[in-house]
Amino acid sequence: MAHYIIKLTRGDKSWYLVWSTIVDAPITYGMKLDAFKRRHLSSDIAKNFEARMALVEKIGVDHEEYKSMDGILSGNRAGPAETCLTKDEIIDDYCIKEV
């Protein structure tokens, strides 16, 4: 099962989510960094957490295969009826509405 940490940013605000390549969509809502750390330090995401987060801060996702946020978001199925959403739509639907 492939779950990755991603960071979405709009302006001066950032949210952290867990992304599944199985469903090609977020499987958590966006959280601020402190809340994300508290929630996931006791989960399966915790393995190599600091190294993973360093990569997230550098390229937006904790897997070098993607090289950037665009790679993991392309062809996503995060919208209604598995439609592809833009980065801004993902922020609106998975970060802003939940906040």
C-alpha atoms as a PDB file:
ATOM      1  CA  MET A   1       0.000   0.000   0.000  1.00  0.00           C
ATOM      2  CA  ALA A   2       1.510   3.332  -1.047  1.00  0.00           C
ATOM      3  CA  HIS A   3       0.760   6.225   1.253  1.00  0.00           C
ATOM      4  CA  TYR A   4       2.734   9.417   0.888  1.00  0.00           C
ATOM      5  CA  ILE A   5       2.857  12.670   2.791  1.00  0.00           C
ATOM      6  CA  ILE A   6       2.140  15.720   0.675  1.00  0.00           C
ATOM      7  CA  LYS A   7       2.241  19.432   1.414  1.00  0.00           C
ATOM      8  CA  LEU A   8      -0.150  21.821  -0.280  1.00  0.00           C
ATOM      9  CA  THR A   9       0.494  25.549  -0.083  1.00  0.00           C
ATOM     10  CA  ARG A  10      -1.585  28.576  -0.937  1.00  0.00           C
ATOM     11  CA  GLY A  11      -0.095  31.953  -0.164  1.00  0.00           C
ATOM     12  CA  ASP A  12       1.433  31.789   3.303  1.00  0.00           C
ATOM     13  CA  LYS A  13      -0.679  28.803   4.423  1.00  0.00           C
ATOM     14  CA  SER A  14       0.324  25.145   4.205  1.00  0.00           C
ATOM     15  CA  TRP A  15      -1.502  21.893   4.848  1.00  0.00           C
ATOM     16  CA  TYR A  16      -0.184  18.356   5.167  1.00  0.00           C
ATOM     17  CA  LEU A  17      -2.151  15.322   3.989  1.00  0.00           C
ATOM     18  CA  VAL A  18      -1.683  11.608   3.463  1.00  0.00           C
ATOM     19  CA  TRP A  19      -2.065  10.685  -0.210  1.00  0.00           C
ATOM     20  CA  SER A  20      -2.869   7.185  -1.453  1.00  0.00           C
ATOM     21  CA  THR A  21      -1.634   6.079  -4.852  1.00  0.00           C
ATOM     22  CA  ILE A  22      -4.160   3.264  -4.690  1.00  0.00           C
ATOM     23  CA  VAL A  23      -7.153   5.613  -4.815  1.00  0.00           C
ATOM     24  CA  ASP A  24      -5.116   8.511  -6.299  1.00  0.00           C
ATOM     25  CA  ALA A  25      -6.542  10.914  -3.739  1.00  0.00           C
ATOM     26  CA  PRO A  26      -6.010  12.197  -0.204  1.00  0.00           C
ATOM     27  CA  ILE A  27      -7.040   9.816   2.539  1.00  0.00           C
ATOM     28  CA  THR A  28      -6.852  12.484   5.241  1.00  0.00           C
ATOM     29  CA  TYR A  29      -7.906  16.089   5.366  1.00  0.00           C
ATOM     30  CA  GLY A  30      -5.272  18.798   5.341  1.00  0.00           C
ATOM     31  CA  MET A  31      -3.773  19.759   8.681  1.00  0.00           C
ATOM     32  CA  LYS A  32      -1.314  22.302   9.934  1.00  0.00           C
ATOM     33  CA  LEU A  33       2.128  20.847  10.613  1.00  0.00           C
ATOM     34  CA  ASP A  34       1.784  20.532  14.404  1.00  0.00           C
ATOM     35  CA  ALA A  35      -1.565  18.750  14.152  1.00  0.00           C
ATOM     36  CA  PHE A  36      -0.232  16.486  11.400  1.00  0.00           C
ATOM     37  CA  LYS A  37       2.767  15.482  13.510  1.00  0.00           C
ATOM     38  CA  ARG A  38       0.623  14.782  16.591  1.00  0.00           C
ATOM     39  CA  ARG A  39      -1.778  12.638  14.604  1.00  0.00           C
ATOM     40  CA  HIS A  40       0.735  10.647  12.606  1.00  0.00           C
ATOM     41  CA  LEU A  41       3.672  10.051  14.924  1.00  0.00           C
ATOM     42  CA  SER A  42       1.844   7.009  16.263  1.00  0.00           C
ATOM     43  CA  SER A  43       0.705   5.700  12.860  1.00  0.00           C
ATOM     44  CA  ASP A  44       2.342   3.788  10.027  1.00  0.00           C
ATOM     45  CA  ILE A  45       3.354   7.160   8.566  1.00  0.00           C
ATOM     46  CA  ALA A  46       5.769   7.557  11.510  1.00  0.00           C
ATOM     47  CA  LYS A  47       8.401   5.266   9.949  1.00  0.00           C
ATOM     48  CA  ASN A  48      11.350   7.503   8.980  1.00  0.00           C
ATOM     49  CA  PHE A  49       9.131  10.497   9.731  1.00  0.00           C
ATOM     50  CA  GLU A  50      11.850  13.157   9.977  1.00  0.00           C
ATOM     51  CA  ALA A  51      13.516  12.116   6.707  1.00  0.00           C
ATOM     52  CA  ARG A  52      10.138  11.937   4.979  1.00  0.00           C
ATOM     53  CA  MET A  53       9.188  15.398   6.227  1.00  0.00           C
ATOM     54  CA  ALA A  54      12.505  16.846   5.038  1.00  0.00           C
ATOM     55  CA  LEU A  55      11.687  15.645   1.522  1.00  0.00           C
ATOM     56  CA  VAL A  56       8.120  16.987   1.798  1.00  0.00           C
ATOM     57  CA  GLU A  57       9.511  20.416   2.670  1.00  0.00           C
ATOM     58  CA  LYS A  58      11.887  20.230  -0.286  1.00  0.00           C
ATOM     59  CA  ILE A  59       9.630  18.966  -3.114  1.00  0.00           C
ATOM     60  CA  GLY A  60       6.090  18.756  -1.678  1.00  0.00           C
ATOM     61  CA  VAL A  61       5.887  14.958  -1.475  1.00  0.00           C
ATOM     62  CA  ASP A  62       7.909  12.396   0.453  1.00  0.00           C
ATOM     63  CA  HIS A  63       8.823  10.216  -2.501  1.00  0.00           C
ATOM     64  CA  GLU A  64      11.609  11.237  -4.897  1.00  0.00           C
ATOM     65  CA  GLU A  65       9.990   9.326  -7.762  1.00  0.00           C
ATOM     66  CA  TYR A  66       7.521  12.181  -8.179  1.00  0.00           C
ATOM     67  CA  LYS A  67      10.168  14.946  -8.209  1.00  0.00           C
ATOM     68  CA  SER A  68       7.429  17.548  -7.546  1.00  0.00           C
ATOM     69  CA  MET A  69       3.851  17.991  -6.468  1.00  0.00           C
ATOM     70  CA  ASP A  70       2.698  17.952 -10.100  1.00  0.00           C
ATOM     71  CA  GLY A  71       3.761  14.337 -10.495  1.00  0.00           C
ATOM     72  CA  ILE A  72       1.591  13.001  -7.709  1.00  0.00           C
ATOM     73  CA  LEU A  73      -1.401  15.236  -8.483  1.00  0.00           C
ATOM     74  CA  SER A  74      -1.562  14.468 -12.200  1.00  0.00           C
ATOM     75  CA  GLY A  75      -4.366  12.077 -13.008  1.00  0.00           C
ATOM     76  CA  ASN A  76      -5.756  12.153  -9.481  1.00  0.00           C
ATOM     77  CA  ARG A  77      -9.253  10.880  -8.715  1.00  0.00           C
ATOM     78  CA  ALA A  78      -9.951  13.157  -5.749  1.00  0.00           C
ATOM     79  CA  GLY A  79     -13.155  14.722  -7.054  1.00  0.00           C
ATOM     80  CA  PRO A  80     -16.767  13.609  -7.270  1.00  0.00           C
ATOM     81  CA  ALA A  81     -17.163  10.394  -9.282  1.00  0.00           C
ATOM     82  CA  GLU A  82     -13.350  10.114  -9.257  1.00  0.00           C
ATOM     83  CA  THR A  83     -12.816  13.221 -11.361  1.00  0.00           C
ATOM     84  CA  CYS A  84      -9.432  14.911 -11.479  1.00  0.00           C
ATOM     85  CA  LEU A  85      -9.126  18.029  -9.307  1.00  0.00           C
ATOM     86  CA  THR A  86      -6.653  20.872  -9.621  1.00  0.00           C
ATOM     87  CA  LYS A  87      -4.333  21.669  -6.739  1.00  0.00           C
ATOM     88  CA  ASP A  88      -6.559  24.606  -5.786  1.00  0.00           C
ATOM     89  CA  GLU A  89      -9.664  22.425  -5.856  1.00  0.00           C
ATOM     90  CA  ILE A  90      -7.957  19.867  -3.609  1.00  0.00           C
ATOM     91  CA  ILE A  91      -7.035  22.647  -1.192  1.00  0.00           C
ATOM     92  CA  ASP A  92     -10.630  23.905  -1.234  1.00  0.00           C
ATOM     93  CA  ASP A  93     -12.199  20.449  -0.776  1.00  0.00           C
ATOM     94  CA  TYR A  94      -9.698  18.772   1.562  1.00  0.00           C
ATOM     95  CA  CYS A  95      -8.142  21.661   3.505  1.00  0.00           C
ATOM     96  CA  ILE A  96     -10.288  24.784   3.578  1.00  0.00           C
ATOM     97  CA  LYS A  97     -13.688  23.135   4.071  1.00  0.00           C
ATOM     98  CA  GLU A  98     -12.342  20.918   6.841  1.00  0.00           C
ATOM     99  CA  VAL A  99     -10.705  23.864   8.650  1.00  0.00           C
END
